[in-house]
């Protein structure tokens, strides 16, 4: 019995066989998703997008370049901190948490989960890891005692200060490799871009 997949119905695909069409049911959430995302026929999509095209798009994307540099910078700093301690102290998941913790009063666990795009359980595990090494503490939220906040301890502030020193050391090493001008230009550019991105983050998404 021969069969083929018909993609012309968007997300509601049919398996066609010699006996007819078998329609696969689609969940309500999938239907809503299908309304938001343009329908694409898979054979046509595969013909248009390949590794060469994606590689070219990556190489010409300023955002992708910035993300790659940030990732490598972060990985190098994390490796240095772990080498200094003689053991793995932080993982990339931990370092992604720190920028979202308010220096004054801390940040709710639920807010951290939203910022990182993960569940409260996942964030709670990361927070617990950092509580165990003494850099964070979990306290009741001042506005809502039922909510919990992750807050930096004195050791946590010292750890951040040390981490910034490690990042600065990597910057100095880069200056030796590429010169001071590219790093100074990058700082000026990011100083101008950051407020714009922060403003965009508070704007509603266009439907």
C-alpha atoms as a PDB file:
ATOM      1  CA  UNK A   1       0.000   0.000   0.000  1.00  0.00           C
ATOM      2  CA  UNK A   2       1.609   3.252  -1.106  1.00  0.00           C
ATOM      3  CA  UNK A   3       1.439   6.352   1.065  1.00  0.00           C
ATOM      4  CA  UNK A   4       2.464  10.014   0.968  1.00  0.00           C
ATOM      5  CA  UNK A   5       2.178  12.987   3.238  1.00  0.00           C
ATOM      6  CA  UNK A   6       0.116  15.949   2.083  1.00  0.00           C
ATOM      7  CA  UNK A   7       1.465  19.190   3.597  1.00  0.00           C
ATOM      8  CA  UNK A   8      -0.847  21.544   1.740  1.00  0.00           C
ATOM      9  CA  UNK A   9      -3.194  21.722   4.708  1.00  0.00           C
ATOM     10  CA  UNK A  10      -0.679  23.572   6.875  1.00  0.00           C
ATOM     11  CA  UNK A  11      -0.339  22.050  10.341  1.00  0.00           C
ATOM     12  CA  UNK A  12      -3.328  19.790   9.762  1.00  0.00           C
ATOM     13  CA  UNK A  13      -1.551  17.267   7.583  1.00  0.00           C
ATOM     14  CA  UNK A  14      -3.079  14.202   5.964  1.00  0.00           C
ATOM     15  CA  UNK A  15      -1.526  10.819   5.307  1.00  0.00           C
ATOM     16  CA  UNK A  16      -2.720   9.775   1.874  1.00  0.00           C
ATOM     17  CA  UNK A  17      -2.802   6.077   1.061  1.00  0.00           C
ATOM     18  CA  UNK A  18      -4.239   3.990  -1.704  1.00  0.00           C
ATOM     19  CA  UNK A  19      -7.308   3.582   0.491  1.00  0.00           C
ATOM     20  CA  UNK A  20      -7.881   7.299   0.903  1.00  0.00           C
ATOM     21  CA  UNK A  21      -6.915  10.089   3.270  1.00  0.00           C
ATOM     22  CA  UNK A  22      -6.354   9.604   6.980  1.00  0.00           C
ATOM     23  CA  UNK A  23      -6.615  12.903   8.787  1.00  0.00           C
ATOM     24  CA  UNK A  24      -4.454  13.356  11.886  1.00  0.00           C
ATOM     25  CA  UNK A  25      -6.315  15.270  14.632  1.00  0.00           C
ATOM     26  CA  UNK A  26      -4.736  18.491  15.804  1.00  0.00           C
ATOM     27  CA  UNK A  27      -4.898  19.833  19.359  1.00  0.00           C
ATOM     28  CA  UNK A  28      -6.450  23.211  20.162  1.00  0.00           C
ATOM     29  CA  UNK A  29      -3.052  24.691  21.064  1.00  0.00           C
ATOM     30  CA  UNK A  30      -1.620  23.539  17.743  1.00  0.00           C
ATOM     31  CA  UNK A  31      -4.501  25.191  15.893  1.00  0.00           C
ATOM     32  CA  UNK A  32      -3.836  28.477  17.688  1.00  0.00           C
ATOM     33  CA  UNK A  33      -0.150  28.181  16.844  1.00  0.00           C
ATOM     34  CA  UNK A  34      -1.001  27.524  13.205  1.00  0.00           C
ATOM     35  CA  UNK A  35      -2.907  30.825  13.063  1.00  0.00           C
ATOM     36  CA  UNK A  36       0.148  32.751  14.262  1.00  0.00           C
ATOM     37  CA  UNK A  37       2.789  31.050  12.115  1.00  0.00           C
ATOM     38  CA  UNK A  38       2.768  31.295   8.309  1.00  0.00           C
ATOM     39  CA  UNK A  39       1.951  28.003   6.669  1.00  0.00           C
ATOM     40  CA  UNK A  40       4.830  26.479   4.786  1.00  0.00           C
ATOM     41  CA  UNK A  41       4.876  23.409   2.603  1.00  0.00           C
ATOM     42  CA  UNK A  42       7.743  21.262   3.874  1.00  0.00           C
ATOM     43  CA  UNK A  43       9.177  20.249   0.465  1.00  0.00           C
ATOM     44  CA  UNK A  44       9.294  23.895  -0.603  1.00  0.00           C
ATOM     45  CA  UNK A  45      10.856  24.962   2.697  1.00  0.00           C
ATOM     46  CA  UNK A  46      13.543  22.275   2.435  1.00  0.00           C
ATOM     47  CA  UNK A  47      14.400  23.404  -1.084  1.00  0.00           C
ATOM     48  CA  UNK A  48      14.836  27.031  -0.026  1.00  0.00           C
ATOM     49  CA  UNK A  49      16.805  26.540   3.190  1.00  0.00           C
ATOM     50  CA  UNK A  50      20.045  24.581   3.380  1.00  0.00           C
ATOM     51  CA  UNK A  51      23.264  24.609   5.395  1.00  0.00           C
ATOM     52  CA  UNK A  52      25.005  27.065   3.042  1.00  0.00           C
ATOM     53  CA  UNK A  53      22.180  29.585   3.336  1.00  0.00           C
ATOM     54  CA  UNK A  54      22.005  29.267   7.125  1.00  0.00           C
ATOM     55  CA  UNK A  55      25.798  29.600   7.407  1.00  0.00           C
ATOM     56  CA  UNK A  56      25.669  32.771   5.315  1.00  0.00           C
ATOM     57  CA  UNK A  57      22.856  34.214   7.445  1.00  0.00           C
ATOM     58  CA  UNK A  58      24.810  33.457  10.630  1.00  0.00           C
ATOM     59  CA  UNK A  59      27.938  35.137   9.281  1.00  0.00           C
ATOM     60  CA  UNK A  60      26.065  38.316   8.310  1.00  0.00           C
ATOM     61  CA  UNK A  61      23.983  38.577  11.513  1.00  0.00           C
ATOM     62  CA  UNK A  62      25.272  41.194  13.942  1.00  0.00           C
ATOM     63  CA  UNK A  63      23.091  39.799  16.725  1.00  0.00           C
ATOM     64  CA  UNK A  64      24.389  36.268  16.169  1.00  0.00           C
ATOM     65  CA  UNK A  65      27.971  37.547  16.229  1.00  0.00           C
ATOM     66  CA  UNK A  66      27.333  39.401  19.487  1.00  0.00           C
ATOM     67  CA  UNK A  67      25.704  36.339  21.064  1.00  0.00           C
ATOM     68  CA  UNK A  68      28.608  34.139  20.012  1.00  0.00           C
ATOM     69  CA  UNK A  69      31.153  36.547  21.502  1.00  0.00           C
ATOM     70  CA  UNK A  70      29.145  36.803  24.723  1.00  0.00           C
ATOM     71  CA  UNK A  71      28.921  33.022  24.986  1.00  0.00           C
ATOM     72  CA  UNK A  72      32.662  32.528  24.487  1.00  0.00           C
ATOM     73  CA  UNK A  73      33.467  35.365  26.913  1.00  0.00           C
ATOM     74  CA  UNK A  74      31.163  33.834  29.524  1.00  0.00           C
ATOM     75  CA  UNK A  75      32.552  30.320  29.042  1.00  0.00           C
ATOM     76  CA  UNK A  76      36.116  31.594  29.406  1.00  0.00           C
ATOM     77  CA  UNK A  77      35.278  33.491  32.592  1.00  0.00           C
ATOM     78  CA  UNK A  78      33.452  30.488  34.062  1.00  0.00           C
ATOM     79  CA  UNK A  79      36.432  28.252  33.273  1.00  0.00           C
ATOM     80  CA  UNK A  80      38.818  30.705  34.971  1.00  0.00           C
ATOM     81  CA  UNK A  81      36.678  30.892  38.116  1.00  0.00           C
ATOM     82  CA  UNK A  82      36.465  27.096  38.293  1.00  0.00           C
ATOM     83  CA  UNK A  83      40.222  26.753  37.729  1.00  0.00           C
ATOM     84  CA  UNK A  84      40.917  29.186  40.544  1.00  0.00           C
ATOM     85  CA  UNK A  85      38.652  27.224  42.888  1.00  0.00           C
ATOM     86  CA  UNK A  86      40.048  23.869  41.814  1.00  0.00           C
ATOM     87  CA  UNK A  87      36.563  22.616  41.031  1.00  0.00           C
ATOM     88  CA  UNK A  88      33.516  23.485  38.953  1.00  0.00           C
ATOM     89  CA  UNK A  89      31.844  26.313  40.883  1.00  0.00           C
ATOM     90  CA  UNK A  90      29.512  27.784  38.287  1.00  0.00           C
ATOM     91  CA  UNK A  91      27.775  26.482  35.209  1.00  0.00           C
ATOM     92  CA  UNK A  92      26.557  28.677  32.323  1.00  0.00           C
ATOM     93  CA  UNK A  93      23.016  28.263  33.659  1.00  0.00           C
ATOM     94  CA  UNK A  94      24.138  29.889  36.916  1.00  0.00           C
ATOM     95  CA  UNK A  95      25.831  32.843  35.242  1.00  0.00           C
ATOM     96  CA  UNK A  96      22.664  33.532  33.216  1.00  0.00           C
ATOM     97  CA  UNK A  97      20.790  33.921  36.486  1.00  0.00           C
ATOM     98  CA  UNK A  98      22.895  36.695  38.036  1.00  0.00           C
ATOM     99  CA  UNK A  99      22.006  39.560  35.628  1.00  0.00           C
ATOM    100  CA  UNK A 100      18.334  39.165  36.552  1.00  0.00           C
ATOM    101  CA  UNK A 101      18.827  39.375  40.323  1.00  0.00           C
ATOM    102  CA  UNK A 102      18.224  42.918  41.574  1.00  0.00           C
ATOM    103  CA  UNK A 103      21.108  44.248  43.650  1.00  0.00           C
ATOM    104  CA  UNK A 104      18.639  45.766  46.106  1.00  0.00           C
ATOM    105  CA  UNK A 105      16.099  43.397  47.618  1.00  0.00           C
ATOM    106  CA  UNK A 106      16.557  40.524  45.184  1.00  0.00           C
ATOM    107  CA  UNK A 107      14.108  39.145  42.616  1.00  0.00           C
ATOM    108  CA  UNK A 108      11.119  36.831  42.871  1.00  0.00           C
ATOM    109  CA  UNK A 109      11.639  33.223  41.833  1.00  0.00           C
ATOM    110  CA  UNK A 110       8.683  33.474  39.449  1.00  0.00           C
ATOM    111  CA  UNK A 111      10.146  36.546  37.760  1.00  0.00           C
ATOM    112  CA  UNK A 112      13.483  34.774  37.318  1.00  0.00           C
ATOM    113  CA  UNK A 113      11.669  31.866  35.684  1.00  0.00           C
ATOM    114  CA  UNK A 114       9.948  34.239  33.258  1.00  0.00           C
ATOM    115  CA  UNK A 115      13.185  36.017  32.410  1.00  0.00           C
ATOM    116  CA  UNK A 116      15.009  32.758  31.694  1.00  0.00           C
ATOM    117  CA  UNK A 117      12.060  31.107  29.977  1.00  0.00           C
ATOM    118  CA  UNK A 118      12.070  28.067  32.257  1.00  0.00           C
ATOM    119  CA  UNK A 119       9.879  26.630  34.993  1.00  0.00           C
ATOM    120  CA  UNK A 120       9.898  27.766  38.618  1.00  0.00           C
ATOM    121  CA  UNK A 121      11.202  24.318  39.549  1.00  0.00           C
ATOM    122  CA  UNK A 122      14.190  24.718  37.243  1.00  0.00           C
ATOM    123  CA  UNK A 123      15.012  28.164  38.631  1.00  0.00           C
ATOM    124  CA  UNK A 124      14.557  26.945  42.190  1.00  0.00           C
ATOM    125  CA  UNK A 125      17.180  24.267  41.547  1.00  0.00           C
ATOM    126  CA  UNK A 126      19.666  26.833  40.242  1.00  0.00           C
ATOM    127  CA  UNK A 127      18.954  29.079  43.213  1.00  0.00           C
ATOM    128  CA  UNK A 128      19.406  26.164  45.617  1.00  0.00           C
ATOM    129  CA  UNK A 129      22.810  25.441  44.051  1.00  0.00           C
ATOM    130  CA  UNK A 130      23.897  29.014  44.716  1.00  0.00           C
ATOM    131  CA  UNK A 131      22.395  29.014  48.216  1.00  0.00           C
ATOM    132  CA  UNK A 132      24.534  25.987  49.033  1.00  0.00           C
ATOM    133  CA  UNK A 133      27.730  27.846  48.093  1.00  0.00           C
ATOM    134  CA  UNK A 134      26.590  30.884  50.055  1.00  0.00           C
ATOM    135  CA  UNK A 135      26.160  33.488  47.317  1.00  0.00           C
ATOM    136  CA  UNK A 136      22.349  33.628  47.424  1.00  0.00           C
ATOM    137  CA  UNK A 137      19.677  33.412  50.077  1.00  0.00           C
ATOM    138  CA  UNK A 138      15.940  32.873  49.712  1.00  0.00           C
ATOM    139  CA  UNK A 139      13.743  35.324  51.617  1.00  0.00           C
ATOM    140  CA  UNK A 140      10.075  36.261  51.713  1.00  0.00           C
ATOM    141  CA  UNK A 141       9.048  39.017  49.330  1.00  0.00           C
ATOM    142  CA  UNK A 142       8.393  42.295  51.158  1.00  0.00           C
ATOM    143  CA  UNK A 143       5.224  43.010  49.167  1.00  0.00           C
ATOM    144  CA  UNK A 144       3.840  39.469  49.214  1.00  0.00           C
ATOM    145  CA  UNK A 145       4.999  37.192  51.998  1.00  0.00           C
ATOM    146  CA  UNK A 146       3.801  34.135  50.069  1.00  0.00           C
ATOM    147  CA  UNK A 147       6.314  34.792  47.266  1.00  0.00           C
ATOM    148  CA  UNK A 148       9.996  33.971  47.602  1.00  0.00           C
ATOM    149  CA  UNK A 149      12.898  36.113  46.452  1.00  0.00           C
ATOM    150  CA  UNK A 150      16.462  35.187  45.604  1.00  0.00           C
ATOM    151  CA  UNK A 151      18.772  37.759  47.165  1.00  0.00           C
ATOM    152  CA  UNK A 152      22.514  38.227  47.061  1.00  0.00           C
ATOM    153  CA  UNK A 153      24.464  37.641  50.265  1.00  0.00           C
ATOM    154  CA  UNK A 154      27.637  39.539  51.181  1.00  0.00           C
ATOM    155  CA  UNK A 155      29.534  36.608  49.710  1.00  0.00           C
ATOM    156  CA  UNK A 156      27.386  36.962  46.593  1.00  0.00           C
ATOM    157  CA  UNK A 157      28.328  40.619  46.154  1.00  0.00           C
ATOM    158  CA  UNK A 158      31.985  39.674  46.589  1.00  0.00           C
ATOM    159  CA  UNK A 159      31.574  36.899  44.010  1.00  0.00           C
ATOM    160  CA  UNK A 160      30.061  39.306  41.470  1.00  0.00           C
ATOM    161  CA  UNK A 161      32.853  41.791  42.070  1.00  0.00           C
ATOM    162  CA  UNK A 162      35.404  39.022  41.551  1.00  0.00           C
ATOM    163  CA  UNK A 163      33.585  37.868  38.423  1.00  0.00           C
ATOM    164  CA  UNK A 164      33.656  41.370  36.966  1.00  0.00           C
ATOM    165  CA  UNK A 165      37.393  41.374  37.606  1.00  0.00           C
ATOM    166  CA  UNK A 166      37.727  38.116  35.675  1.00  0.00           C
ATOM    167  CA  UNK A 167      35.724  39.581  32.777  1.00  0.00           C
ATOM    168  CA  UNK A 168      37.992  42.630  32.858  1.00  0.00           C
ATOM    169  CA  UNK A 169      41.021  40.370  32.682  1.00  0.00           C
ATOM    170  CA  UNK A 170      39.649  38.735  29.538  1.00  0.00           C
ATOM    171  CA  UNK A 171      39.057  42.207  28.075  1.00  0.00           C
ATOM    172  CA  UNK A 172      42.686  43.121  28.770  1.00  0.00           C
ATOM    173  CA  UNK A 173      43.798  39.931  27.043  1.00  0.00           C
ATOM    174  CA  UNK A 174      41.665  40.849  24.033  1.00  0.00           C
ATOM    175  CA  UNK A 175      43.234  44.314  23.901  1.00  0.00           C
ATOM    176  CA  UNK A 176      46.618  42.649  23.591  1.00  0.00           C
ATOM    177  CA  UNK A 177      45.323  40.579  20.680  1.00  0.00           C
ATOM    178  CA  UNK A 178      43.177  43.035  18.707  1.00  0.00           C
ATOM    179  CA  UNK A 179      44.130  46.443  20.121  1.00  0.00           C
ATOM    180  CA  UNK A 180      42.329  48.927  22.331  1.00  0.00           C
ATOM    181  CA  UNK A 181      40.353  50.669  19.560  1.00  0.00           C
ATOM    182  CA  UNK A 182      37.992  47.752  18.687  1.00  0.00           C
ATOM    183  CA  UNK A 183      37.119  47.237  22.363  1.00  0.00           C
ATOM    184  CA  UNK A 184      36.536  50.982  22.890  1.00  0.00           C
ATOM    185  CA  UNK A 185      34.356  51.156  19.766  1.00  0.00           C
ATOM    186  CA  UNK A 186      32.415  48.118  20.939  1.00  0.00           C
ATOM    187  CA  UNK A 187      31.779  49.707  24.343  1.00  0.00           C
ATOM    188  CA  UNK A 188      30.510  52.936  22.768  1.00  0.00           C
ATOM    189  CA  UNK A 189      28.243  51.011  20.419  1.00  0.00           C
ATOM    190  CA  UNK A 190      26.807  48.807  23.165  1.00  0.00           C
ATOM    191  CA  UNK A 191      26.312  51.825  25.441  1.00  0.00           C
ATOM    192  CA  UNK A 192      24.097  53.327  22.727  1.00  0.00           C
ATOM    193  CA  UNK A 193      22.319  50.071  21.843  1.00  0.00           C
ATOM    194  CA  UNK A 194      21.474  48.903  25.374  1.00  0.00           C
ATOM    195  CA  UNK A 195      18.913  51.647  26.215  1.00  0.00           C
ATOM    196  CA  UNK A 196      17.198  51.063  22.877  1.00  0.00           C
ATOM    197  CA  UNK A 197      16.908  47.329  23.542  1.00  0.00           C
ATOM    198  CA  UNK A 198      15.615  47.992  27.058  1.00  0.00           C
ATOM    199  CA  UNK A 199      12.942  50.295  25.618  1.00  0.00           C
ATOM    200  CA  UNK A 200      11.987  47.674  23.020  1.00  0.00           C
ATOM    201  CA  UNK A 201      11.632  45.045  25.768  1.00  0.00           C
ATOM    202  CA  UNK A 202       8.815  47.091  27.311  1.00  0.00           C
ATOM    203  CA  UNK A 203       6.949  47.585  24.046  1.00  0.00           C
ATOM    204  CA  UNK A 204       4.053  45.261  23.145  1.00  0.00           C
ATOM    205  CA  UNK A 205       4.758  42.733  20.415  1.00  0.00           C
ATOM    206  CA  UNK A 206       3.091  43.369  17.097  1.00  0.00           C
ATOM    207  CA  UNK A 207       0.492  40.771  16.213  1.00  0.00           C
END
